[in-house]
Amino acid sequence: MNNKFANKVISERKVLSIVNGFSSGRTQLTGLTSHAIASWSVEQKLDETHELVSLLYKLGNLCHRLSDRSQESFESLDDNIAKKN
């Protein structure tokens, strides 16, 4: 079974480790949520249009999609099954 949540956590940890390894100051990036990225970017004095901040938002969205199990619940039916109903 492909554990999408575990993949999300592993991916997030890798990103956080890299970013925090290069961050200046005491404030570290604590997650890839919009709120965490926004707070971190203010502390780092990076505008939201900065390339790194933009990339972090994209990675955060990707990680969210990787773990969003609701997508699996609403897969379209096979045409043969749909015709029977």
C-alpha atoms as a PDB file:
ATOM      1  CA  MET A   1       0.000   0.000   0.000  1.00  0.00           C
ATOM      2  CA  ASN A   2       1.320   3.420  -0.933  1.00  0.00           C
ATOM      3  CA  ASN A   3       1.227   5.537   2.227  1.00  0.00           C
ATOM      4  CA  LYS A   4       0.744   9.042   0.903  1.00  0.00           C
ATOM      5  CA  PHE A   5       0.746  10.630   4.361  1.00  0.00           C
ATOM      6  CA  ALA A   6       4.129   9.097   5.184  1.00  0.00           C
ATOM      7  CA  ASN A   7       5.486  10.334   1.835  1.00  0.00           C
ATOM      8  CA  LYS A   8       4.227  13.815   2.698  1.00  0.00           C
ATOM      9  CA  VAL A   9       5.934  13.799   6.099  1.00  0.00           C
ATOM     10  CA  ILE A  10       9.236  12.550   4.667  1.00  0.00           C
ATOM     11  CA  SER A  11       9.155  15.182   1.931  1.00  0.00           C
ATOM     12  CA  GLU A  12       8.314  17.985   4.350  1.00  0.00           C
ATOM     13  CA  ARG A  13      11.112  16.986   6.710  1.00  0.00           C
ATOM     14  CA  LYS A  14      13.655  17.025   3.886  1.00  0.00           C
ATOM     15  CA  VAL A  15      12.586  20.510   2.795  1.00  0.00           C
ATOM     16  CA  LEU A  16      12.558  21.853   6.356  1.00  0.00           C
ATOM     17  CA  SER A  17      15.993  20.408   7.041  1.00  0.00           C
ATOM     18  CA  ILE A  18      17.483  22.044   3.948  1.00  0.00           C
ATOM     19  CA  VAL A  19      15.821  25.431   4.463  1.00  0.00           C
ATOM     20  CA  ASN A  20      16.610  25.585   8.171  1.00  0.00           C
ATOM     21  CA  GLY A  21      20.208  24.613   7.485  1.00  0.00           C
ATOM     22  CA  PHE A  22      20.635  27.848   5.531  1.00  0.00           C
ATOM     23  CA  SER A  23      18.280  30.140   7.476  1.00  0.00           C
ATOM     24  CA  SER A  24      19.662  33.061   9.369  1.00  0.00           C
ATOM     25  CA  GLY A  25      18.481  33.936  12.843  1.00  0.00           C
ATOM     26  CA  ARG A  26      16.658  31.906  15.455  1.00  0.00           C
ATOM     27  CA  THR A  27      13.399  31.490  13.588  1.00  0.00           C
ATOM     28  CA  GLN A  28      13.125  28.256  11.693  1.00  0.00           C
ATOM     29  CA  LEU A  29      10.571  27.145   9.177  1.00  0.00           C
ATOM     30  CA  THR A  30       8.249  24.865  11.157  1.00  0.00           C
ATOM     31  CA  GLY A  31       6.108  23.455   8.368  1.00  0.00           C
ATOM     32  CA  LEU A  32       4.922  23.906   4.822  1.00  0.00           C
ATOM     33  CA  THR A  33       1.525  25.369   5.612  1.00  0.00           C
ATOM     34  CA  SER A  34       0.745  28.821   4.235  1.00  0.00           C
ATOM     35  CA  HIS A  35       0.764  30.257   7.748  1.00  0.00           C
ATOM     36  CA  ALA A  36       4.143  28.717   8.649  1.00  0.00           C
ATOM     37  CA  ILE A  37       5.728  29.930   5.413  1.00  0.00           C
ATOM     38  CA  ALA A  38       4.277  33.436   5.781  1.00  0.00           C
ATOM     39  CA  SER A  39       5.509  33.747   9.383  1.00  0.00           C
ATOM     40  CA  TRP A  40       8.951  32.436   8.483  1.00  0.00           C
ATOM     41  CA  SER A  41       9.301  34.739   5.473  1.00  0.00           C
ATOM     42  CA  VAL A  42       8.476  37.801   7.607  1.00  0.00           C
ATOM     43  CA  GLU A  43      11.138  36.797  10.144  1.00  0.00           C
ATOM     44  CA  GLN A  44      13.636  36.233   7.333  1.00  0.00           C
ATOM     45  CA  LYS A  45      12.683  39.582   5.756  1.00  0.00           C
ATOM     46  CA  LEU A  46      11.762  37.885   2.493  1.00  0.00           C
ATOM     47  CA  ASP A  47       8.934  39.223   0.379  1.00  0.00           C
ATOM     48  CA  GLU A  48       6.246  36.732  -0.667  1.00  0.00           C
ATOM     49  CA  THR A  49       7.387  37.217  -4.262  1.00  0.00           C
ATOM     50  CA  HIS A  50      10.913  36.031  -3.405  1.00  0.00           C
ATOM     51  CA  GLU A  51      11.818  32.934  -5.417  1.00  0.00           C
ATOM     52  CA  LEU A  52      12.421  30.784  -2.310  1.00  0.00           C
ATOM     53  CA  VAL A  53       9.146  31.784  -0.667  1.00  0.00           C
ATOM     54  CA  SER A  54       7.247  31.109  -3.887  1.00  0.00           C
ATOM     55  CA  LEU A  55       8.890  27.694  -4.176  1.00  0.00           C
ATOM     56  CA  LEU A  56       8.017  26.852  -0.560  1.00  0.00           C
ATOM     57  CA  TYR A  57       4.351  27.657  -1.214  1.00  0.00           C
ATOM     58  CA  LYS A  58       4.417  25.381  -4.276  1.00  0.00           C
ATOM     59  CA  LEU A  59       6.063  22.576  -2.309  1.00  0.00           C
ATOM     60  CA  GLY A  60       3.550  23.015   0.503  1.00  0.00           C
ATOM     61  CA  ASN A  61       0.668  22.717  -1.939  1.00  0.00           C
ATOM     62  CA  LEU A  62       2.242  19.632  -3.516  1.00  0.00           C
ATOM     63  CA  CYS A  63       2.727  17.959  -0.127  1.00  0.00           C
ATOM     64  CA  HIS A  64      -0.881  18.727   0.750  1.00  0.00           C
ATOM     65  CA  ARG A  65      -2.084  17.142  -2.484  1.00  0.00           C
ATOM     66  CA  LEU A  66       0.100  14.083  -1.861  1.00  0.00           C
ATOM     67  CA  SER A  67      -1.665  13.424   1.418  1.00  0.00           C
ATOM     68  CA  ASP A  68      -5.192  14.486   0.462  1.00  0.00           C
ATOM     69  CA  ARG A  69      -7.012  11.179   0.699  1.00  0.00           C
ATOM     70  CA  SER A  70     -10.341  12.679  -0.437  1.00  0.00           C
ATOM     71  CA  GLN A  71      -9.158  12.527  -4.043  1.00  0.00           C
ATOM     72  CA  GLU A  72      -9.152   8.744  -3.827  1.00  0.00           C
ATOM     73  CA  SER A  73     -12.755   8.607  -2.620  1.00  0.00           C
ATOM     74  CA  PHE A  74     -14.147  10.333  -5.681  1.00  0.00           C
ATOM     75  CA  GLU A  75     -12.475   8.556  -8.561  1.00  0.00           C
ATOM     76  CA  SER A  76     -14.722   8.284 -11.585  1.00  0.00           C
ATOM     77  CA  LEU A  77     -16.539   5.029 -12.132  1.00  0.00           C
ATOM     78  CA  ASP A  78     -15.636   2.580 -14.842  1.00  0.00           C
ATOM     79  CA  ASP A  79     -17.879   3.247 -17.873  1.00  0.00           C
ATOM     80  CA  ASN A  80     -19.383  -0.265 -17.671  1.00  0.00           C
ATOM     81  CA  ILE A  81     -20.403   0.236 -14.051  1.00  0.00           C
ATOM     82  CA  ALA A  82     -21.832   3.699 -14.738  1.00  0.00           C
ATOM     83  CA  LYS A  83     -24.017   2.348 -17.579  1.00  0.00           C
ATOM     84  CA  LYS A  84     -25.595  -0.257 -15.244  1.00  0.00           C
ATOM     85  CA  ASN A  85     -26.864   2.478 -12.914  1.00  0.00           C
END
